[in-house]
Amino acid sequence: MSRSRVYQWCTWFGEGRTSLDDEPKSGRPKTSTNEENTTCVDELIRCDRRMKIREIALKLEIPKSTVHEIVHDTLGYRKVFARWVPKMLPEDHKLQRVEISQRLLQ
């Protein structure tokens, strides 16, 4: 840790600051990544699992980067053989796999 950073913290605490966390930044808040857009993207993917990010962005009129963030980070989908599939299997799918595997072993 640099000496100048320690001096800066001392100055901040002397002025009455109580935390080392960053203060809220001014600027435009995110408006595209909200619950409404997330549910719309999820519905579009569930209706047509072969839909491309570009097509979803055009339908919803939001940036492709936002759609990509919603699809991959928020909803947890990934592309497999040109279809969107969830990254994690639900519990019922896991149980189905176990049952099928046991039947095949018998």
N, C-alpha and C. Protein backbone atom coordinates (compact mmCIF):
# COMPACT_ATOMS: atom_id res chain seq x y z
N MET A 1 0.86 -1.16 0.00
CA MET A 1 0.00 0.00 0.00
C MET A 1 0.90 1.23 0.00
N SER A 2 0.53 2.18 -0.81
CA SER A 2 1.38 3.37 -0.94
C SER A 2 1.14 4.35 0.22
N ARG A 3 2.13 5.11 0.47
CA ARG A 3 2.07 6.10 1.53
C ARG A 3 1.06 7.20 1.20
N SER A 4 0.98 7.57 -0.08
CA SER A 4 0.04 8.62 -0.48
C SER A 4 -1.41 8.19 -0.25
N ARG A 5 -1.70 6.89 -0.45
CA ARG A 5 -3.06 6.38 -0.22
C ARG A 5 -3.41 6.49 1.27
N VAL A 6 -2.46 6.18 2.15
CA VAL A 6 -2.70 6.28 3.60
C VAL A 6 -2.96 7.73 3.98
N TYR A 7 -2.19 8.66 3.42
CA TYR A 7 -2.41 10.08 3.70
C TYR A 7 -3.79 10.52 3.20
N GLN A 8 -4.18 9.99 2.04
CA GLN A 8 -5.49 10.33 1.49
C GLN A 8 -6.60 9.85 2.42
N TRP A 9 -6.49 8.63 2.92
CA TRP A 9 -7.48 8.09 3.85
C TRP A 9 -7.54 8.91 5.14
N CYS A 10 -6.38 9.29 5.63
CA CYS A 10 -6.34 10.11 6.84
C CYS A 10 -7.07 11.43 6.63
N THR A 11 -6.86 12.02 5.46
CA THR A 11 -7.55 13.27 5.13
C THR A 11 -9.05 13.05 5.08
N TRP A 12 -9.48 11.97 4.43
CA TRP A 12 -10.91 11.68 4.31
C TRP A 12 -11.55 11.49 5.69
N PHE A 13 -10.89 10.69 6.55
CA PHE A 13 -11.45 10.45 7.87
C PHE A 13 -11.42 11.70 8.72
N GLY A 14 -10.44 12.57 8.51
CA GLY A 14 -10.40 13.85 9.22
C GLY A 14 -11.54 14.76 8.81
N GLU A 15 -12.02 14.61 7.56
CA GLU A 15 -13.13 15.42 7.06
C GLU A 15 -14.49 14.85 7.47
N GLY A 16 -14.49 13.67 8.14
CA GLY A 16 -15.74 13.12 8.63
C GLY A 16 -16.23 11.88 7.89
N ARG A 17 -15.48 11.41 6.95
CA ARG A 17 -15.89 10.20 6.23
C ARG A 17 -15.75 9.00 7.17
N THR A 18 -16.67 8.04 7.07
CA THR A 18 -16.65 6.91 7.99
C THR A 18 -16.41 5.57 7.31
N SER A 19 -16.27 5.56 5.99
CA SER A 19 -16.13 4.29 5.28
C SER A 19 -15.12 4.44 4.14
N LEU A 20 -14.47 3.33 3.80
CA LEU A 20 -13.54 3.34 2.67
C LEU A 20 -14.22 2.98 1.35
N ASP A 21 -15.51 2.63 1.41
CA ASP A 21 -16.25 2.29 0.20
C ASP A 21 -16.39 3.51 -0.70
N ASP A 22 -16.48 3.26 -1.99
CA ASP A 22 -16.67 4.35 -2.94
C ASP A 22 -18.02 5.01 -2.72
N GLU A 23 -18.05 6.31 -2.91
CA GLU A 23 -19.31 7.04 -2.81
C GLU A 23 -20.10 6.83 -4.10
N PRO A 24 -21.41 6.96 -4.04
CA PRO A 24 -22.22 6.79 -5.26
C PRO A 24 -21.79 7.78 -6.34
N LYS A 25 -21.69 7.29 -7.55
CA LYS A 25 -21.27 8.12 -8.67
C LYS A 25 -22.49 8.80 -9.29
N SER A 26 -22.27 9.99 -9.76
CA SER A 26 -23.35 10.65 -10.48
C SER A 26 -23.33 10.15 -11.92
N GLY A 27 -24.44 10.24 -12.57
CA GLY A 27 -24.52 9.77 -13.94
C GLY A 27 -25.84 9.10 -14.20
N ARG A 28 -25.99 8.66 -15.40
CA ARG A 28 -27.23 8.05 -15.81
C ARG A 28 -27.33 6.63 -15.25
N PRO A 29 -28.43 6.30 -14.59
CA PRO A 29 -28.58 4.94 -14.07
C PRO A 29 -28.90 3.96 -15.20
N LYS A 30 -28.66 2.69 -14.95
CA LYS A 30 -29.00 1.68 -15.94
C LYS A 30 -30.51 1.62 -16.09
N THR A 31 -30.96 1.66 -17.33
CA THR A 31 -32.41 1.60 -17.56
C THR A 31 -32.78 0.37 -18.38
N SER A 32 -31.83 -0.21 -19.09
CA SER A 32 -32.14 -1.34 -19.95
C SER A 32 -32.19 -2.65 -19.19
N THR A 33 -31.34 -2.80 -18.18
CA THR A 33 -31.30 -4.05 -17.43
C THR A 33 -32.25 -3.94 -16.24
N ASN A 34 -33.53 -4.14 -16.52
CA ASN A 34 -34.53 -4.09 -15.45
C ASN A 34 -35.37 -5.36 -15.52
N GLU A 35 -36.27 -5.51 -14.56
CA GLU A 35 -37.09 -6.72 -14.47
C GLU A 35 -37.97 -6.92 -15.69
N GLU A 36 -38.52 -5.83 -16.21
CA GLU A 36 -39.41 -5.92 -17.36
C GLU A 36 -38.66 -6.48 -18.58
N ASN A 37 -37.48 -5.92 -18.87
CA ASN A 37 -36.70 -6.40 -20.01
C ASN A 37 -36.21 -7.83 -19.79
N THR A 38 -35.87 -8.15 -18.56
CA THR A 38 -35.41 -9.51 -18.26
C THR A 38 -36.51 -10.52 -18.52
N THR A 39 -37.72 -10.23 -18.08
CA THR A 39 -38.83 -11.16 -18.31
C THR A 39 -39.17 -11.24 -19.79
N CYS A 40 -39.10 -10.12 -20.51
CA CYS A 40 -39.38 -10.14 -21.96
C CYS A 40 -38.35 -10.99 -22.70
N VAL A 41 -37.08 -10.83 -22.34
CA VAL A 41 -36.02 -11.63 -22.98
C VAL A 41 -36.23 -13.11 -22.68
N ASP A 42 -36.56 -13.42 -21.44
CA ASP A 42 -36.78 -14.82 -21.05
C ASP A 42 -37.96 -15.41 -21.82
N GLU A 43 -39.04 -14.66 -21.96
CA GLU A 43 -40.21 -15.14 -22.71
C GLU A 43 -39.86 -15.38 -24.18
N LEU A 44 -39.10 -14.46 -24.78
CA LEU A 44 -38.71 -14.63 -26.19
C LEU A 44 -37.86 -15.88 -26.37
N ILE A 45 -36.94 -16.11 -25.45
CA ILE A 45 -36.07 -17.28 -25.56
C ILE A 45 -36.87 -18.56 -25.36
N ARG A 46 -37.82 -18.54 -24.43
CA ARG A 46 -38.63 -19.74 -24.19
C ARG A 46 -39.54 -20.04 -25.39
N CYS A 47 -39.98 -19.00 -26.09
CA CYS A 47 -40.83 -19.21 -27.28
C CYS A 47 -40.02 -19.76 -28.45
N ASP A 48 -38.81 -19.23 -28.64
CA ASP A 48 -37.97 -19.65 -29.75
C ASP A 48 -36.53 -19.74 -29.26
N ARG A 49 -36.09 -20.94 -28.94
CA ARG A 49 -34.74 -21.12 -28.37
C ARG A 49 -33.64 -20.90 -29.40
N ARG A 50 -33.98 -20.78 -30.67
CA ARG A 50 -32.97 -20.54 -31.70
C ARG A 50 -32.79 -19.06 -32.02
N MET A 51 -33.49 -18.20 -31.31
CA MET A 51 -33.43 -16.76 -31.57
C MET A 51 -32.04 -16.23 -31.22
N LYS A 52 -31.55 -15.33 -32.05
CA LYS A 52 -30.23 -14.73 -31.84
C LYS A 52 -30.34 -13.48 -30.98
N ILE A 53 -29.24 -13.12 -30.36
CA ILE A 53 -29.20 -11.92 -29.51
C ILE A 53 -29.56 -10.69 -30.32
N ARG A 54 -29.08 -10.62 -31.54
CA ARG A 54 -29.38 -9.48 -32.40
C ARG A 54 -30.88 -9.36 -32.65
N GLU A 55 -31.55 -10.49 -32.88
CA GLU A 55 -33.00 -10.48 -33.12
C GLU A 55 -33.76 -10.03 -31.88
N ILE A 56 -33.32 -10.50 -30.72
CA ILE A 56 -33.97 -10.09 -29.46
C ILE A 56 -33.79 -8.59 -29.26
N ALA A 57 -32.60 -8.09 -29.52
CA ALA A 57 -32.33 -6.66 -29.35
C ALA A 57 -33.19 -5.82 -30.29
N LEU A 58 -33.38 -6.29 -31.51
CA LEU A 58 -34.22 -5.55 -32.45
C LEU A 58 -35.68 -5.55 -32.02
N LYS A 59 -36.17 -6.69 -31.53
CA LYS A 59 -37.57 -6.78 -31.10
C LYS A 59 -37.85 -5.89 -29.89
N LEU A 60 -36.94 -5.88 -28.94
CA LEU A 60 -37.16 -5.12 -27.72
C LEU A 60 -36.62 -3.70 -27.78
N GLU A 61 -35.88 -3.40 -28.85
CA GLU A 61 -35.27 -2.07 -29.04
C GLU A 61 -34.38 -1.67 -27.87
N ILE A 62 -33.50 -2.59 -27.48
CA ILE A 62 -32.49 -2.31 -26.47
C ILE A 62 -31.15 -2.74 -27.04
N PRO A 63 -30.03 -2.25 -26.51
CA PRO A 63 -28.71 -2.58 -27.06
C PRO A 63 -28.39 -4.07 -26.98
N LYS A 64 -27.60 -4.53 -27.96
CA LYS A 64 -27.19 -5.94 -27.98
C LYS A 64 -26.37 -6.30 -26.75
N SER A 65 -25.54 -5.37 -26.31
CA SER A 65 -24.71 -5.65 -25.13
C SER A 65 -25.58 -5.89 -23.89
N THR A 66 -26.68 -5.16 -23.79
CA THR A 66 -27.59 -5.35 -22.66
C THR A 66 -28.29 -6.69 -22.75
N VAL A 67 -28.73 -7.05 -23.97
CA VAL A 67 -29.37 -8.36 -24.16
C VAL A 67 -28.39 -9.46 -23.82
N HIS A 68 -27.14 -9.31 -24.25
CA HIS A 68 -26.11 -10.32 -23.96
C HIS A 68 -25.92 -10.46 -22.45
N GLU A 69 -25.87 -9.35 -21.76
CA GLU A 69 -25.71 -9.38 -20.29
C GLU A 69 -26.90 -10.06 -19.63
N ILE A 70 -28.11 -9.74 -20.08
CA ILE A 70 -29.32 -10.36 -19.50
C ILE A 70 -29.32 -11.86 -19.74
N VAL A 71 -29.04 -12.26 -21.00
CA VAL A 71 -29.10 -13.68 -21.36
C VAL A 71 -28.05 -14.49 -20.62
N HIS A 72 -26.81 -14.02 -20.62
CA HIS A 72 -25.72 -14.80 -20.05
C HIS A 72 -25.57 -14.65 -18.55
N ASP A 73 -25.62 -13.42 -18.06
CA ASP A 73 -25.34 -13.19 -16.64
C ASP A 73 -26.59 -13.32 -15.77
N THR A 74 -27.67 -12.67 -16.17
CA THR A 74 -28.87 -12.65 -15.34
C THR A 74 -29.66 -13.96 -15.43
N LEU A 75 -29.95 -14.38 -16.68
CA LEU A 75 -30.77 -15.59 -16.86
C LEU A 75 -29.95 -16.87 -16.86
N GLY A 76 -28.68 -16.80 -17.16
CA GLY A 76 -27.82 -17.97 -17.10
C GLY A 76 -27.97 -18.93 -18.26
N TYR A 77 -28.28 -18.41 -19.45
CA TYR A 77 -28.38 -19.26 -20.63
C TYR A 77 -27.05 -19.33 -21.36
N ARG A 78 -26.88 -20.38 -22.14
CA ARG A 78 -25.74 -20.49 -23.05
C ARG A 78 -26.22 -21.19 -24.31
N LYS A 79 -25.48 -21.03 -25.40
CA LYS A 79 -25.87 -21.63 -26.67
C LYS A 79 -25.27 -23.02 -26.80
N VAL A 80 -26.10 -24.00 -27.14
CA VAL A 80 -25.65 -25.35 -27.42
C VAL A 80 -26.36 -25.79 -28.69
N PHE A 81 -25.59 -26.07 -29.71
CA PHE A 81 -26.17 -26.48 -31.00
C PHE A 81 -27.24 -25.50 -31.45
N ALA A 82 -26.91 -24.21 -31.42
CA ALA A 82 -27.77 -23.13 -31.90
C ALA A 82 -29.06 -23.00 -31.10
N ARG A 83 -29.10 -23.52 -29.88
CA ARG A 83 -30.28 -23.38 -29.01
C ARG A 83 -29.85 -22.86 -27.65
N TRP A 84 -30.66 -22.01 -27.05
CA TRP A 84 -30.39 -21.52 -25.71
C TRP A 84 -30.81 -22.57 -24.70
N VAL A 85 -29.92 -22.91 -23.81
CA VAL A 85 -30.22 -23.85 -22.73
C VAL A 85 -29.73 -23.26 -21.41
N PRO A 86 -30.40 -23.56 -20.32
CA PRO A 86 -29.94 -23.06 -19.02
C PRO A 86 -28.59 -23.67 -18.66
N LYS A 87 -27.75 -22.89 -17.97
CA LYS A 87 -26.43 -23.40 -17.57
C LYS A 87 -26.55 -24.49 -16.52
N MET A 88 -27.50 -24.36 -15.63
CA MET A 88 -27.67 -25.35 -14.57
C MET A 88 -28.97 -26.11 -14.83
N LEU A 89 -28.92 -27.42 -14.67
CA LEU A 89 -30.12 -28.23 -14.83
C LEU A 89 -31.02 -28.09 -13.62
N PRO A 90 -32.33 -28.00 -13.84
CA PRO A 90 -33.25 -28.00 -12.70
C PRO A 90 -33.24 -29.38 -12.01
N GLU A 91 -33.73 -29.42 -10.80
CA GLU A 91 -33.72 -30.66 -10.02
C GLU A 91 -34.48 -31.79 -10.70
N ASP A 92 -35.63 -31.49 -11.31
CA ASP A 92 -36.40 -32.56 -11.95
C ASP A 92 -35.65 -33.15 -13.14
N HIS A 93 -34.89 -32.34 -13.87
CA HIS A 93 -34.09 -32.86 -14.97
C HIS A 93 -32.96 -33.75 -14.46
N LYS A 94 -32.37 -33.36 -13.33
CA LYS A 94 -31.31 -34.18 -12.75
C LYS A 94 -31.85 -35.54 -12.34
N LEU A 95 -33.04 -35.54 -11.70
CA LEU A 95 -33.66 -36.79 -11.29
C LEU A 95 -34.01 -37.67 -12.49
N GLN A 96 -34.49 -37.05 -13.57
CA GLN A 96 -34.78 -37.80 -14.79
C GLN A 96 -33.53 -38.46 -15.34
N ARG A 97 -32.42 -37.75 -15.33
CA ARG A 97 -31.16 -38.32 -15.81
C ARG A 97 -30.73 -39.52 -14.97
N VAL A 98 -30.88 -39.41 -13.67
CA VAL A 98 -30.50 -40.51 -12.78
C VAL A 98 -31.38 -41.73 -13.05
N GLU A 99 -32.69 -41.51 -13.17
CA GLU A 99 -33.61 -42.62 -13.43
C GLU A 99 -33.31 -43.30 -14.76
N ILE A 100 -33.07 -42.52 -15.79
CA ILE A 100 -32.77 -43.08 -17.11
C ILE A 100 -31.46 -43.85 -17.07
N SER A 101 -30.47 -43.30 -16.38
CA SER A 101 -29.17 -43.98 -16.28
C SER A 101 -29.31 -45.32 -15.55
N GLN A 102 -30.11 -45.33 -14.48
CA GLN A 102 -30.31 -46.58 -13.74
C GLN A 102 -31.04 -47.61 -14.60
N ARG A 103 -32.03 -47.18 -15.38
CA ARG A 103 -32.73 -48.10 -16.28
C ARG A 103 -31.78 -48.67 -17.32
N LEU A 104 -30.92 -47.83 -17.84
CA LEU A 104 -29.97 -48.29 -18.86
C LEU A 104 -28.97 -49.28 -18.28
N LEU A 105 -28.56 -49.09 -17.03
CA LEU A 105 -27.64 -50.01 -16.39
C LEU A 105 -28.27 -51.39 -16.16
N GLN A 106 -29.59 -51.40 -15.91
CA GLN A 106 -30.27 -52.68 -15.69
C GLN A 106 -30.42 -53.40 -17.00
